[in-house]
Amino acid sequence: MKVLACSSFALVLVCGCASSIPEIESPVGEAHHETPHFVPSETDIFSEQYSDVDPSALDQFRAELEPHGSWEEDRRLGTVWYPSRAEVGANFTPYATHGRWTYGQGEYVWVSTLPWGWATFHYGRWMFSGPRGWAWVPGRRYAGAWVVWRTGSSGYVGWGPAPANWYWQNDVPVRTPKPTTLGFVYCKTTDLFAHSIATKLIGMPDVVRIATETKPYAWQEKSASLAPMSNAPHPTELGISQANIAITPSDDPALQRAWLLARPGGARAAGVRPLLGSDPPRLKEWVIGRPRYIQSSSNEGK
């Protein structure tokens, strides 16, 4: 693993080649269910919310994640969960592998192919921990995806996991004194809703050039969306036609489960204590290259 400086605001993390290439997952969320399902609006999900540091975050997801990885006490990140590499591959990247992008309820929604993705991609934050890879910090506030975006005029879009501005120590949330950097991946705007987005990510050396041509996205005017991570470009701003926007599958069982726990009103039925408040953190950026188990060619991503 090698880190290269490419500008005053961005770094590129270059990954080598893995010995094996796992099979690309098939898309999820397209199946039709005979039983009635909840079709939420923005108000249904976001009208009342938990705080990210509600203590229930430590217990709500523990049993679900236990068989799929390990809970550990990290010296820097506090209480975290590491996914099993046997399940995710040696170079797992949140919001880039094992899933796809959709759009609904006023925000981008990550649809994961992992059995535990309903929890870790909609609650908590992913933090890069060095040699161990990505660690998940428990959090209790829902979002379609906890990411930040980069855009430019070159026809590419980038995104990266929004880091936590807290960590858990002895079951107590501790606010971090400084914002944390995060890793970005990039693809062509026309590929954003690809079913296998991991195969569309831009690799070296093009990713360095693209990173320098983009900047953090910011609304030109205040968004009316209630979603906590609504500060993202609408697909039409990226030149994606309405017909080519992948709509969030409201009947996806995993998303249904995530939505059920989003509001204290719904979560109380599951025995979870409510607590309101909390805004997403301010962020700095860095750039992460294509996952190393995705094969690349000289023509790919051009």
C-alpha atoms as a PDB file:
ATOM      1  CA  MET A   1       0.000   0.000   0.000  1.00  0.00           C
ATOM      2  CA  LYS A   2       1.508   3.320  -1.068  1.00  0.00           C
ATOM      3  CA  VAL A   3       0.458   6.894  -0.374  1.00  0.00           C
ATOM      4  CA  LEU A   4       1.198   9.612  -2.913  1.00  0.00           C
ATOM      5  CA  ALA A   5       0.708  13.354  -2.506  1.00  0.00           C
ATOM      6  CA  CYS A   6      -1.110  14.798  -5.478  1.00  0.00           C
ATOM      7  CA  SER A   7      -2.209  18.275  -4.398  1.00  0.00           C
ATOM      8  CA  SER A   8      -2.664  20.497  -1.391  1.00  0.00           C
ATOM      9  CA  PHE A   9      -6.082  19.040  -0.669  1.00  0.00           C
ATOM     10  CA  ALA A  10      -5.971  15.424  -1.773  1.00  0.00           C
ATOM     11  CA  LEU A  11      -4.015  12.204  -1.325  1.00  0.00           C
ATOM     12  CA  VAL A  12      -4.276   9.044  -3.362  1.00  0.00           C
ATOM     13  CA  LEU A  13      -4.120   5.633  -1.746  1.00  0.00           C
ATOM     14  CA  VAL A  14      -2.881   3.153  -4.326  1.00  0.00           C
ATOM     15  CA  CYS A  15      -3.672  -0.514  -3.795  1.00  0.00           C
ATOM     16  CA  GLY A  16      -1.768  -3.442  -5.291  1.00  0.00           C
ATOM     17  CA  CYS A  17      -3.177  -6.590  -6.887  1.00  0.00           C
ATOM     18  CA  ALA A  18      -4.730  -9.352  -4.828  1.00  0.00           C
ATOM     19  CA  SER A  19      -4.052 -13.000  -5.555  1.00  0.00           C
ATOM     20  CA  SER A  20      -7.698 -13.788  -6.182  1.00  0.00           C
ATOM     21  CA  ILE A  21     -10.649 -11.943  -7.628  1.00  0.00           C
ATOM     22  CA  PRO A  22     -13.972 -12.590  -5.894  1.00  0.00           C
ATOM     23  CA  GLU A  23     -17.080 -12.947  -7.973  1.00  0.00           C
ATOM     24  CA  ILE A  24     -18.964  -9.696  -8.490  1.00  0.00           C
ATOM     25  CA  GLU A  25     -22.188  -9.712  -6.532  1.00  0.00           C
ATOM     26  CA  SER A  26     -25.515  -9.641  -8.318  1.00  0.00           C
ATOM     27  CA  PRO A  27     -27.758  -6.634  -7.664  1.00  0.00           C
ATOM     28  CA  VAL A  28     -30.369  -6.863  -4.929  1.00  0.00           C
ATOM     29  CA  GLY A  29     -33.709  -5.221  -4.303  1.00  0.00           C
ATOM     30  CA  GLU A  30     -35.433  -6.093  -7.566  1.00  0.00           C
ATOM     31  CA  ALA A  31     -37.549  -8.972  -6.278  1.00  0.00           C
ATOM     32  CA  HIS A  32     -41.278  -8.430  -5.790  1.00  0.00           C
ATOM     33  CA  HIS A  33     -42.847  -9.490  -2.517  1.00  0.00           C
ATOM     34  CA  GLU A  34     -46.411 -10.651  -2.067  1.00  0.00           C
ATOM     35  CA  THR A  35     -46.651  -9.336   1.483  1.00  0.00           C
ATOM     36  CA  PRO A  36     -47.399  -5.610   2.019  1.00  0.00           C
ATOM     37  CA  HIS A  37     -44.379  -3.405   2.634  1.00  0.00           C
ATOM     38  CA  PHE A  38     -43.679   0.036   4.061  1.00  0.00           C
ATOM     39  CA  VAL A  39     -43.137   2.747   1.417  1.00  0.00           C
ATOM     40  CA  PRO A  40     -41.643   5.633   3.403  1.00  0.00           C
ATOM     41  CA  SER A  41     -41.590   9.317   2.576  1.00  0.00           C
ATOM     42  CA  GLU A  42     -38.911  11.734   3.769  1.00  0.00           C
ATOM     43  CA  THR A  43     -41.201  12.761   6.617  1.00  0.00           C
ATOM     44  CA  ASP A  44     -41.719   9.134   7.630  1.00  0.00           C
ATOM     45  CA  ILE A  45     -37.980   8.599   8.016  1.00  0.00           C
ATOM     46  CA  PHE A  46     -36.507  11.952   9.019  1.00  0.00           C
ATOM     47  CA  SER A  47     -39.199  13.861  10.920  1.00  0.00           C
ATOM     48  CA  GLU A  48     -37.705  12.684  14.224  1.00  0.00           C
ATOM     49  CA  GLN A  49     -34.269  11.168  14.574  1.00  0.00           C
ATOM     50  CA  TYR A  50     -31.848   9.618  16.998  1.00  0.00           C
ATOM     51  CA  SER A  51     -28.568  11.174  17.958  1.00  0.00           C
ATOM     52  CA  ASP A  52     -25.594   9.357  16.495  1.00  0.00           C
ATOM     53  CA  VAL A  53     -24.239   8.925  20.006  1.00  0.00           C
ATOM     54  CA  ASP A  54     -27.388   7.490  21.533  1.00  0.00           C
ATOM     55  CA  PRO A  55     -26.130   4.658  23.810  1.00  0.00           C
ATOM     56  CA  SER A  56     -28.432   2.180  22.076  1.00  0.00           C
ATOM     57  CA  ALA A  57     -25.995   2.254  19.116  1.00  0.00           C
ATOM     58  CA  LEU A  58     -23.649  -0.048  21.022  1.00  0.00           C
ATOM     59  CA  ASP A  59     -26.258  -2.758  21.573  1.00  0.00           C
ATOM     60  CA  GLN A  60     -28.714  -2.425  18.702  1.00  0.00           C
ATOM     61  CA  PHE A  61     -26.422  -3.925  16.055  1.00  0.00           C
ATOM     62  CA  ARG A  62     -24.033  -6.064  18.119  1.00  0.00           C
ATOM     63  CA  ALA A  63     -25.782  -9.425  17.814  1.00  0.00           C
ATOM     64  CA  GLU A  64     -26.436  -8.919  14.101  1.00  0.00           C
ATOM     65  CA  LEU A  65     -22.787  -8.153  13.321  1.00  0.00           C
ATOM     66  CA  GLU A  66     -21.135 -10.646  15.698  1.00  0.00           C
ATOM     67  CA  PRO A  67     -21.166 -13.655  13.315  1.00  0.00           C
ATOM     68  CA  HIS A  68     -19.789 -11.612  10.416  1.00  0.00           C
ATOM     69  CA  GLY A  69     -16.691 -10.066  11.961  1.00  0.00           C
ATOM     70  CA  SER A  70     -15.136  -9.028  15.266  1.00  0.00           C
ATOM     71  CA  TRP A  71     -15.824  -6.345  17.840  1.00  0.00           C
ATOM     72  CA  GLU A  72     -12.612  -4.789  19.125  1.00  0.00           C
ATOM     73  CA  GLU A  73     -11.258  -1.911  21.151  1.00  0.00           C
ATOM     74  CA  ASP A  74      -9.054   0.186  18.882  1.00  0.00           C
ATOM     75  CA  ARG A  75      -6.565   2.541  20.541  1.00  0.00           C
ATOM     76  CA  ARG A  76      -7.510   5.380  18.204  1.00  0.00           C
ATOM     77  CA  LEU A  77     -11.103   4.609  17.185  1.00  0.00           C
ATOM     78  CA  GLY A  78     -12.472   3.099  20.391  1.00  0.00           C
ATOM     79  CA  THR A  79     -15.140   0.397  20.122  1.00  0.00           C
ATOM     80  CA  VAL A  80     -15.341  -0.713  16.501  1.00  0.00           C
ATOM     81  CA  TRP A  81     -16.440  -3.650  14.378  1.00  0.00           C
ATOM     82  CA  TYR A  82     -14.273  -5.185  11.644  1.00  0.00           C
ATOM     83  CA  PRO A  83     -16.027  -7.196   8.924  1.00  0.00           C
ATOM     84  CA  SER A  84     -14.674 -10.647   8.145  1.00  0.00           C
ATOM     85  CA  ARG A  85     -12.273 -10.546   5.210  1.00  0.00           C
ATOM     86  CA  ALA A  86     -13.583 -13.938   4.187  1.00  0.00           C
ATOM     87  CA  GLU A  87     -16.909 -12.217   3.479  1.00  0.00           C
ATOM     88  CA  VAL A  88     -15.804  -8.896   2.002  1.00  0.00           C
ATOM     89  CA  GLY A  89     -12.424  -9.584   0.368  1.00  0.00           C
ATOM     90  CA  ALA A  90      -8.984  -8.245   1.163  1.00  0.00           C
ATOM     91  CA  ASN A  91      -9.677  -4.752  -0.125  1.00  0.00           C
ATOM     92  CA  PHE A  92     -13.246  -4.040   0.888  1.00  0.00           C
ATOM     93  CA  THR A  93     -14.218  -0.379   0.466  1.00  0.00           C
ATOM     94  CA  PRO A  94     -17.455   0.988   1.987  1.00  0.00           C
ATOM     95  CA  TYR A  95     -19.946   2.355  -0.545  1.00  0.00           C
ATOM     96  CA  ALA A  96     -17.782   1.113  -3.409  1.00  0.00           C
ATOM     97  CA  THR A  97     -17.863  -2.693  -3.287  1.00  0.00           C
ATOM     98  CA  HIS A  98     -20.699  -5.132  -2.555  1.00  0.00           C
ATOM     99  CA  GLY A  99     -23.559  -2.876  -3.542  1.00  0.00           C
ATOM    100  CA  ARG A 100     -24.950  -0.171  -5.803  1.00  0.00           C
ATOM    101  CA  TRP A 101     -26.377   3.344  -5.728  1.00  0.00           C
ATOM    102  CA  THR A 102     -30.058   4.221  -5.910  1.00  0.00           C
ATOM    103  CA  TYR A 103     -31.938   7.467  -5.335  1.00  0.00           C
ATOM    104  CA  GLY A 104     -35.049   8.072  -3.245  1.00  0.00           C
ATOM    105  CA  GLN A 105     -36.482  10.011  -0.272  1.00  0.00           C
ATOM    106  CA  GLY A 106     -34.431  13.023  -1.381  1.00  0.00           C
ATOM    107  CA  GLU A 107     -31.025  11.326  -1.083  1.00  0.00           C
ATOM    108  CA  TYR A 108     -28.736   8.648  -2.430  1.00  0.00           C
ATOM    109  CA  VAL A 109     -29.411   5.256  -0.867  1.00  0.00           C
ATOM    110  CA  TRP A 110     -26.789   2.513  -0.884  1.00  0.00           C
ATOM    111  CA  VAL A 111     -28.280  -0.938  -1.542  1.00  0.00           C
ATOM    112  CA  SER A 112     -25.841  -3.484  -0.160  1.00  0.00           C
ATOM    113  CA  THR A 113     -25.502  -7.132  -1.156  1.00  0.00           C
ATOM    114  CA  LEU A 114     -24.031  -7.977   2.258  1.00  0.00           C
ATOM    115  CA  PRO A 115     -26.401  -9.567   4.823  1.00  0.00           C
ATOM    116  CA  TRP A 116     -25.447  -6.987   7.458  1.00  0.00           C
ATOM    117  CA  GLY A 117     -25.335  -4.010   5.101  1.00  0.00           C
ATOM    118  CA  TRP A 118     -28.738  -2.737   6.251  1.00  0.00           C
ATOM    119  CA  ALA A 119     -27.022  -1.677   9.511  1.00  0.00           C
ATOM    120  CA  THR A 120     -23.491  -0.544   8.709  1.00  0.00           C
ATOM    121  CA  PHE A 121     -24.188   1.477   5.554  1.00  0.00           C
ATOM    122  CA  HIS A 122     -27.151   3.370   7.033  1.00  0.00           C
ATOM    123  CA  TYR A 123     -26.017   3.778  10.645  1.00  0.00           C
ATOM    124  CA  GLY A 124     -22.618   4.595  12.143  1.00  0.00           C
ATOM    125  CA  ARG A 125     -19.502   5.548  10.183  1.00  0.00           C
ATOM    126  CA  TRP A 126     -16.683   3.746   8.419  1.00  0.00           C
ATOM    127  CA  MET A 127     -13.140   4.741   9.390  1.00  0.00           C
ATOM    128  CA  PHE A 128      -9.898   3.604   7.762  1.00  0.00           C
ATOM    129  CA  SER A 129      -7.692   2.067  10.447  1.00  0.00           C
ATOM    130  CA  GLY A 130      -4.504   1.372   8.505  1.00  0.00           C
ATOM    131  CA  PRO A 131      -3.343  -2.250   8.090  1.00  0.00           C
ATOM    132  CA  ARG A 132      -6.648  -3.600   9.401  1.00  0.00           C
ATOM    133  CA  GLY A 133      -8.579  -1.784   6.697  1.00  0.00           C
ATOM    134  CA  TRP A 134     -12.027  -0.340   7.330  1.00  0.00           C
ATOM    135  CA  ALA A 135     -13.606  -0.336  10.782  1.00  0.00           C
ATOM    136  CA  TRP A 136     -17.202   0.521  11.603  1.00  0.00           C
ATOM    137  CA  VAL A 137     -17.925   2.954  14.458  1.00  0.00           C
ATOM    138  CA  PRO A 138     -21.433   2.405  15.921  1.00  0.00           C
ATOM    139  CA  GLY A 139     -23.897   5.247  15.457  1.00  0.00           C
ATOM    140  CA  ARG A 140     -27.657   5.500  15.825  1.00  0.00           C
ATOM    141  CA  ARG A 141     -28.769   8.093  13.266  1.00  0.00           C
ATOM    142  CA  TYR A 142     -30.101   6.875   9.912  1.00  0.00           C
ATOM    143  CA  ALA A 143     -29.068   8.043   6.447  1.00  0.00           C
ATOM    144  CA  GLY A 144     -29.436   6.490   3.009  1.00  0.00           C
ATOM    145  CA  ALA A 145     -25.632   6.541   2.962  1.00  0.00           C
ATOM    146  CA  TRP A 146     -23.151   8.364   5.175  1.00  0.00           C
ATOM    147  CA  VAL A 147     -20.957   9.777   2.435  1.00  0.00           C
ATOM    148  CA  VAL A 148     -19.731  13.108   1.088  1.00  0.00           C
ATOM    149  CA  TRP A 149     -19.439  13.936  -2.599  1.00  0.00           C
ATOM    150  CA  ARG A 150     -17.025  15.577  -5.014  1.00  0.00           C
ATOM    151  CA  THR A 151     -18.014  16.943  -8.422  1.00  0.00           C
ATOM    152  CA  GLY A 152     -16.473  18.865 -11.298  1.00  0.00           C
ATOM    153  CA  SER A 153     -16.916  19.674 -14.949  1.00  0.00           C
ATOM    154  CA  SER A 154     -14.997  16.675 -16.282  1.00  0.00           C
ATOM    155  CA  GLY A 155     -17.861  14.165 -16.301  1.00  0.00           C
ATOM    156  CA  TYR A 156     -16.772  12.328 -13.145  1.00  0.00           C
ATOM    157  CA  VAL A 157     -18.192  12.120  -9.635  1.00  0.00           C
ATOM    158  CA  GLY A 158     -16.506  11.042  -6.422  1.00  0.00           C
ATOM    159  CA  TRP A 159     -17.677   9.985  -2.981  1.00  0.00           C
ATOM    160  CA  GLY A 160     -16.194   8.739   0.269  1.00  0.00           C
ATOM    161  CA  PRO A 161     -17.390   7.499   3.681  1.00  0.00           C
ATOM    162  CA  ALA A 162     -18.220  10.347   6.046  1.00  0.00           C
ATOM    163  CA  PRO A 163     -16.051   9.755   9.133  1.00  0.00           C
ATOM    164  CA  ALA A 164     -17.225   9.805  12.718  1.00  0.00           C
ATOM    165  CA  ASN A 165     -16.524  12.853  14.866  1.00  0.00           C
ATOM    166  CA  TRP A 166     -16.855  10.689  17.970  1.00  0.00           C
ATOM    167  CA  TYR A 167     -15.593   7.389  19.345  1.00  0.00           C
ATOM    168  CA  TRP A 168     -16.806   5.066  22.091  1.00  0.00           C
ATOM    169  CA  GLN A 169     -14.688   4.594  25.205  1.00  0.00           C
ATOM    170  CA  ASN A 170     -16.029   2.439  28.051  1.00  0.00           C
ATOM    171  CA  ASP A 171     -19.509   2.749  26.493  1.00  0.00           C
ATOM    172  CA  VAL A 172     -19.299   6.556  26.607  1.00  0.00           C
ATOM    173  CA  PRO A 173     -19.174   8.699  23.439  1.00  0.00           C
ATOM    174  CA  VAL A 174     -16.150  10.985  23.213  1.00  0.00           C
ATOM    175  CA  ARG A 175     -16.078  13.759  20.624  1.00  0.00           C
ATOM    176  CA  THR A 176     -12.931  13.854  18.489  1.00  0.00           C
ATOM    177  CA  PRO A 177     -11.036  17.171  18.684  1.00  0.00           C
ATOM    178  CA  LYS A 178     -10.322  17.426  14.936  1.00  0.00           C
ATOM    179  CA  PRO A 179     -12.156  16.412  11.754  1.00  0.00           C
ATOM    180  CA  THR A 180     -10.882  13.206  10.181  1.00  0.00           C
ATOM    181  CA  THR A 181      -9.831  12.591   6.615  1.00  0.00           C
ATOM    182  CA  LEU A 182     -11.684  10.149   4.380  1.00  0.00           C
ATOM    183  CA  GLY A 183     -11.162   8.159   1.197  1.00  0.00           C
ATOM    184  CA  PHE A 184     -12.775   8.853  -2.148  1.00  0.00           C
ATOM    185  CA  VAL A 185     -13.538   6.686  -5.150  1.00  0.00           C
ATOM    186  CA  TYR A 186     -14.513   8.018  -8.580  1.00  0.00           C
ATOM    187  CA  CYS A 187     -16.514   6.914 -11.597  1.00  0.00           C
ATOM    188  CA  LYS A 188     -17.989   8.472 -14.702  1.00  0.00           C
ATOM    189  CA  THR A 189     -21.272  10.204 -13.911  1.00  0.00           C
ATOM    190  CA  THR A 190     -22.988   7.963 -16.463  1.00  0.00           C
ATOM    191  CA  ASP A 191     -21.853   4.896 -14.466  1.00  0.00           C
ATOM    192  CA  LEU A 192     -23.082   6.047 -11.051  1.00  0.00           C
ATOM    193  CA  PHE A 193     -26.144   3.783 -11.052  1.00  0.00           C
ATOM    194  CA  ALA A 194     -24.377   0.759 -12.543  1.00  0.00           C
ATOM    195  CA  HIS A 195     -25.416  -2.525 -10.921  1.00  0.00           C
ATOM    196  CA  SER A 196     -21.755  -3.459 -10.390  1.00  0.00           C
ATOM    197  CA  ILE A 197     -20.346  -0.066  -9.474  1.00  0.00           C
ATOM    198  CA  ALA A 198     -17.078  -1.617  -8.246  1.00  0.00           C
ATOM    199  CA  THR A 199     -16.176  -2.514 -11.823  1.00  0.00           C
ATOM    200  CA  LYS A 200     -16.656   1.110 -12.924  1.00  0.00           C
ATOM    201  CA  LEU A 201     -14.278   2.758 -10.440  1.00  0.00           C
ATOM    202  CA  ILE A 202     -11.414   4.729 -11.923  1.00  0.00           C
ATOM    203  CA  GLY A 203      -7.901   3.463 -11.214  1.00  0.00           C
ATOM    204  CA  MET A 204      -4.409   4.913 -11.405  1.00  0.00           C
ATOM    205  CA  PRO A 205      -3.143   7.102 -12.896  1.00  0.00           C
ATOM    206  CA  ASP A 206      -6.387   8.716 -14.058  1.00  0.00           C
ATOM    207  CA  VAL A 207      -7.802   8.998 -10.533  1.00  0.00           C
ATOM    208  CA  VAL A 208      -5.109  11.523  -9.546  1.00  0.00           C
ATOM    209  CA  ARG A 209      -6.031  13.828 -12.406  1.00  0.00           C
ATOM    210  CA  ILE A 210      -9.753  13.452 -11.727  1.00  0.00           C
ATOM    211  CA  ALA A 211      -9.292  14.195  -8.022  1.00  0.00           C
ATOM    212  CA  THR A 212      -7.608  17.506  -8.788  1.00  0.00           C
ATOM    213  CA  GLU A 213     -10.420  18.451 -11.172  1.00  0.00           C
ATOM    214  CA  THR A 214     -13.170  17.982  -8.588  1.00  0.00           C
ATOM    215  CA  LYS A 215     -14.124  19.717  -5.360  1.00  0.00           C
ATOM    216  CA  PRO A 216     -16.482  19.044  -2.449  1.00  0.00           C
ATOM    217  CA  TYR A 217     -20.067  19.440  -3.564  1.00  0.00           C
ATOM    218  CA  ALA A 218     -22.115  22.221  -1.975  1.00  0.00           C
ATOM    219  CA  TRP A 219     -25.708  23.247  -2.609  1.00  0.00           C
ATOM    220  CA  GLN A 220     -26.123  26.516  -4.489  1.00  0.00           C
ATOM    221  CA  GLU A 221     -29.147  27.160  -2.302  1.00  0.00           C
ATOM    222  CA  LYS A 222     -30.524  25.557   0.830  1.00  0.00           C
ATOM    223  CA  SER A 223     -31.956  22.092   0.282  1.00  0.00           C
ATOM    224  CA  ALA A 224     -35.544  21.430   1.305  1.00  0.00           C
ATOM    225  CA  SER A 225     -34.747  17.772   1.955  1.00  0.00           C
ATOM    226  CA  LEU A 226     -34.977  16.439   5.505  1.00  0.00           C
ATOM    227  CA  ALA A 227     -32.298  13.804   4.864  1.00  0.00           C
ATOM    228  CA  PRO A 228     -29.155  14.307   7.003  1.00  0.00           C
ATOM    229  CA  MET A 229     -26.833  13.672   4.027  1.00  0.00           C
ATOM    230  CA  SER A 230     -28.870  15.585   1.433  1.00  0.00           C
ATOM    231  CA  ASN A 231     -25.900  17.799   0.534  1.00  0.00           C
ATOM    232  CA  ALA A 232     -25.345  15.807  -2.640  1.00  0.00           C
ATOM    233  CA  PRO A 233     -25.794  16.529  -6.333  1.00  0.00           C
ATOM    234  CA  HIS A 234     -29.165  15.513  -7.703  1.00  0.00           C
ATOM    235  CA  PRO A 235     -28.633  12.962 -10.489  1.00  0.00           C
ATOM    236  CA  THR A 236     -29.946  15.430 -13.063  1.00  0.00           C
ATOM    237  CA  GLU A 237     -27.193  17.869 -12.037  1.00  0.00           C
ATOM    238  CA  LEU A 238     -24.722  15.187 -13.083  1.00  0.00           C
ATOM    239  CA  GLY A 239     -26.356  14.902 -16.483  1.00  0.00           C
ATOM    240  CA  ILE A 240     -28.225  11.699 -15.665  1.00  0.00           C
ATOM    241  CA  SER A 241     -31.690  11.635 -17.173  1.00  0.00           C
ATOM    242  CA  GLN A 242     -34.724  10.787 -15.062  1.00  0.00           C
ATOM    243  CA  ALA A 243     -35.137   7.566 -17.047  1.00  0.00           C
ATOM    244  CA  ASN A 244     -31.658   6.397 -16.034  1.00  0.00           C
ATOM    245  CA  ILE A 245     -31.957   7.084 -12.296  1.00  0.00           C
ATOM    246  CA  ALA A 246     -32.103   3.856 -10.291  1.00  0.00           C
ATOM    247  CA  ILE A 247     -35.016   4.357  -7.918  1.00  0.00           C
ATOM    248  CA  THR A 248     -34.589   3.054  -4.382  1.00  0.00           C
ATOM    249  CA  PRO A 249     -36.432  -0.305  -4.164  1.00  0.00           C
ATOM    250  CA  SER A 250     -39.036   0.291  -1.451  1.00  0.00           C
ATOM    251  CA  ASP A 251     -39.712  -3.436  -1.123  1.00  0.00           C
ATOM    252  CA  ASP A 252     -36.099  -4.386  -0.375  1.00  0.00           C
ATOM    253  CA  PRO A 253     -36.182  -6.336   2.934  1.00  0.00           C
ATOM    254  CA  ALA A 254     -32.851  -4.955   4.144  1.00  0.00           C
ATOM    255  CA  LEU A 255     -33.884  -1.352   3.574  1.00  0.00           C
ATOM    256  CA  GLN A 256     -37.221  -2.031   5.215  1.00  0.00           C
ATOM    257  CA  ARG A 257     -35.336  -3.151   8.291  1.00  0.00           C
ATOM    258  CA  ALA A 258     -33.111  -0.062   8.296  1.00  0.00           C
ATOM    259  CA  TRP A 259     -36.101   2.258   7.890  1.00  0.00           C
ATOM    260  CA  LEU A 260     -37.979   0.577  10.736  1.00  0.00           C
ATOM    261  CA  LEU A 261     -35.250   1.567  13.194  1.00  0.00           C
ATOM    262  CA  ALA A 262     -34.689   5.078  11.833  1.00  0.00           C
ATOM    263  CA  ARG A 263     -37.290   6.875  13.951  1.00  0.00           C
ATOM    264  CA  PRO A 264     -37.811   6.532  17.692  1.00  0.00           C
ATOM    265  CA  GLY A 265     -41.510   6.033  16.971  1.00  0.00           C
ATOM    266  CA  GLY A 266     -40.766   2.940  14.902  1.00  0.00           C
ATOM    267  CA  ALA A 267     -37.844   1.738  16.962  1.00  0.00           C
ATOM    268  CA  ARG A 268     -39.803   1.814  20.213  1.00  0.00           C
ATOM    269  CA  ALA A 269     -41.647  -1.235  18.941  1.00  0.00           C
ATOM    270  CA  ALA A 270     -38.263  -2.970  18.903  1.00  0.00           C
ATOM    271  CA  GLY A 271     -37.481  -1.829  22.440  1.00  0.00           C
ATOM    272  CA  VAL A 272     -34.993   0.927  21.565  1.00  0.00           C
ATOM    273  CA  ARG A 273     -34.813   4.122  23.614  1.00  0.00           C
ATOM    274  CA  PRO A 274     -35.171   7.426  21.658  1.00  0.00           C
ATOM    275  CA  LEU A 275     -32.901  10.458  21.824  1.00  0.00           C
ATOM    276  CA  LEU A 276     -32.980  13.335  19.324  1.00  0.00           C
ATOM    277  CA  GLY A 277     -30.394  15.676  17.827  1.00  0.00           C
ATOM    278  CA  SER A 278     -26.897  15.641  16.189  1.00  0.00           C
ATOM    279  CA  ASP A 279     -25.520  17.031  12.901  1.00  0.00           C
ATOM    280  CA  PRO A 280     -23.053  15.349  10.545  1.00  0.00           C
ATOM    281  CA  PRO A 281     -19.395  16.399  10.961  1.00  0.00           C
ATOM    282  CA  ARG A 282     -17.328  18.818   8.879  1.00  0.00           C
ATOM    283  CA  LEU A 283     -14.796  16.919   6.836  1.00  0.00           C
ATOM    284  CA  LYS A 284     -11.434  16.965   5.123  1.00  0.00           C
ATOM    285  CA  GLU A 285     -10.769  14.738   2.118  1.00  0.00           C
ATOM    286  CA  TRP A 286      -8.410  12.218   0.644  1.00  0.00           C
ATOM    287  CA  VAL A 287      -8.748   9.905  -2.315  1.00  0.00           C
ATOM    288  CA  ILE A 288      -8.670   6.134  -2.460  1.00  0.00           C
ATOM    289  CA  GLY A 289      -7.964   4.285  -5.688  1.00  0.00           C
ATOM    290  CA  ARG A 290      -9.797   1.338  -7.224  1.00  0.00           C
ATOM    291  CA  PRO A 291     -10.112  -1.763  -4.959  1.00  0.00           C
ATOM    292  CA  ARG A 292      -7.189  -3.988  -5.853  1.00  0.00           C
ATOM    293  CA  TYR A 293      -9.234  -7.112  -6.508  1.00  0.00           C
ATOM    294  CA  ILE A 294     -11.047  -5.436  -9.407  1.00  0.00           C
ATOM    295  CA  GLN A 295      -9.130  -6.152 -12.605  1.00  0.00           C
ATOM    296  CA  SER A 296      -8.211  -3.151 -14.704  1.00  0.00           C
ATOM    297  CA  SER A 297      -7.064  -2.694 -18.271  1.00  0.00           C
ATOM    298  CA  SER A 298      -5.456   0.150 -20.161  1.00  0.00           C
ATOM    299  CA  ASN A 299      -8.812   1.081 -21.736  1.00  0.00           C
ATOM    300  CA  GLU A 300     -11.051   0.727 -18.684  1.00  0.00           C
ATOM    301  CA  GLY A 301     -12.334   3.948 -17.129  1.00  0.00           C
ATOM    302  CA  LYS A 302     -11.293   6.050 -20.100  1.00  0.00           C
END
